[in-house]
C-alpha atoms as a PDB file:
ATOM      1  CA  MET A   1     -48.523 -12.170 107.618  1.00  0.00           C
ATOM      2  CA  GLN A   2     -49.021 -12.959 111.418  1.00  0.00           C
ATOM      3  CA  THR A   3     -49.249 -16.403 112.670  1.00  0.00           C
ATOM      4  CA  LEU A   4     -50.904 -17.217 116.021  1.00  0.00           C
ATOM      5  CA  SER A   5     -51.952 -20.064 118.015  1.00  0.00           C
ATOM      6  CA  ALA A   6     -55.620 -20.933 118.241  1.00  0.00           C
ATOM      7  CA  SER A   7     -55.313 -20.000 121.948  1.00  0.00           C
ATOM      8  CA  GLU A   8     -53.987 -16.549 121.313  1.00  0.00           C
ATOM      9  CA  ALA A   9     -56.458 -15.903 118.543  1.00  0.00           C
ATOM     10  CA  ARG A  10     -59.356 -16.804 120.938  1.00  0.00           C
ATOM     11  CA  LEU A  11     -58.033 -14.413 123.306  1.00  0.00           C
ATOM     12  CA  ASN A  12     -57.906 -11.597 121.028  1.00  0.00           C
ATOM     13  CA  LEU A  13     -60.178 -12.387 118.384  1.00  0.00           C
ATOM     14  CA  PHE A  14     -62.022  -9.013 117.887  1.00  0.00           C
ATOM     15  CA  CYS A  15     -58.666  -7.194 118.094  1.00  0.00           C
ATOM     16  CA  ILE A  16     -57.233  -9.571 115.259  1.00  0.00           C
ATOM     17  CA  VAL A  17     -60.158  -9.172 113.186  1.00  0.00           C
ATOM     18  CA  ASP A  18     -60.221  -5.310 113.372  1.00  0.00           C
ATOM     19  CA  LYS A  19     -56.348  -5.418 112.752  1.00  0.00           C
ATOM     20  CA  THR A  20     -56.730  -7.734 109.722  1.00  0.00           C
ATOM     21  CA  ALA A  21     -59.189  -5.772 108.070  1.00  0.00           C
ATOM     22  CA  GLU A  22     -57.422  -2.397 108.794  1.00  0.00           C
ATOM     23  CA  THR A  23     -53.951  -3.401 107.566  1.00  0.00           C
ATOM     24  CA  HIS A  24     -54.948  -5.878 104.814  1.00  0.00           C
ATOM     25  CA  GLN A  25     -52.403  -8.352 106.207  1.00  0.00           C
ATOM     26  CA  SER A  26     -53.545 -11.995 106.587  1.00  0.00           C
ATOM     27  CA  THR A  27     -53.316 -13.917 109.757  1.00  0.00           C
ATOM     28  CA  VAL A  28     -52.601 -17.621 109.933  1.00  0.00           C
ATOM     29  CA  ILE A  29     -54.021 -19.478 113.060  1.00  0.00           C
ATOM     30  CA  LEU A  30     -52.569 -22.859 113.973  1.00  0.00           C
ATOM     31  CA  CYS A  31     -54.013 -25.570 116.131  1.00  0.00           C
ATOM     32  CA  ARG A  32     -52.722 -28.964 116.823  1.00  0.00           C
ATOM     33  CA  HIS A  33     -53.665 -30.773 113.687  1.00  0.00           C
ATOM     34  CA  ASN A  34     -54.894 -27.704 111.204  1.00  0.00           C
ATOM     35  CA  ALA A  35     -54.617 -24.141 110.312  1.00  0.00           C
ATOM     36  CA  ALA A  36     -56.784 -21.549 108.861  1.00  0.00           C
ATOM     37  CA  LYS A  37     -56.128 -18.149 107.368  1.00  0.00           C
ATOM     38  CA  LEU A  38     -58.065 -14.938 108.234  1.00  0.00           C
ATOM     39  CA  LEU A  39     -58.115 -12.479 105.647  1.00  0.00           C
ATOM     40  CA  PRO A  40     -60.238  -9.004 105.071  1.00  0.00           C
ATOM     41  CA  ILE A  41     -63.639  -9.559 103.399  1.00  0.00           C
ATOM     42  CA  GLU A  42     -62.576  -6.996 100.527  1.00  0.00           C
ATOM     43  CA  ASP A  43     -59.454  -9.054  99.574  1.00  0.00           C
ATOM     44  CA  TRP A  44     -61.611 -12.236  99.783  1.00  0.00           C
ATOM     45  CA  ARG A  45     -64.217 -10.642  97.179  1.00  0.00           C
ATOM     46  CA  THR A  46     -61.375  -9.447  94.824  1.00  0.00           C
ATOM     47  CA  ILE A  47     -59.921 -13.091  94.986  1.00  0.00           C
ATOM     48  CA  LEU A  48     -63.287 -14.257  94.038  1.00  0.00           C
ATOM     49  CA  GLY A  49     -63.944 -11.852  91.322  1.00  0.00           C
ATOM     50  CA  VAL A  50     -60.416 -12.778  89.772  1.00  0.00           C
ATOM     51  CA  LEU A  51     -61.168 -16.407  89.903  1.00  0.00           C
ATOM     52  CA  THR A  52     -64.830 -15.947  88.414  1.00  0.00           C
ATOM     53  CA  ALA A  53     -63.486 -13.715  85.630  1.00  0.00           C
ATOM     54  CA  THR A  54     -60.587 -16.309  85.053  1.00  0.00           C
ATOM     55  CA  ALA A  55     -63.124 -19.172  84.861  1.00  0.00           C
ATOM     56  CA  LEU A  56     -65.585 -17.081  82.320  1.00  0.00           C
ATOM     57  CA  ALA A  57     -62.691 -16.426  80.169  1.00  0.00           C
ATOM     58  CA  SER A  58     -61.647 -19.946  80.050  1.00  0.00           C
ATOM     59  CA  THR A  59     -65.304 -21.083  79.330  1.00  0.00           C
ATOM     60  CA  ALA A  60     -65.570 -18.541  76.589  1.00  0.00           C
ATOM     61  CA  THR A  61     -62.402 -19.789  75.060  1.00  0.00           C
ATOM     62  CA  ASP A  62     -63.536 -23.312  75.155  1.00  0.00           C
ATOM     63  CA  LEU A  63     -66.788 -22.338  73.300  1.00  0.00           C
ATOM     64  CA  ASN A  64     -64.990 -20.769  70.482  1.00  0.00           C
END
């Protein structure tokens, strides 16, 4: 995982997005009072799929 300041990220945003997508390594972007995490869209879709499947399984169990 790479950590960058917001200023560094702003200067190299396109390169950072490309590198993150290619390597599947997330990037944390820090500013004075907050932070954000950049990750490849494929990884995000996988996370959402797992969360959805888990929620559906939990709901199905509750209904039984």
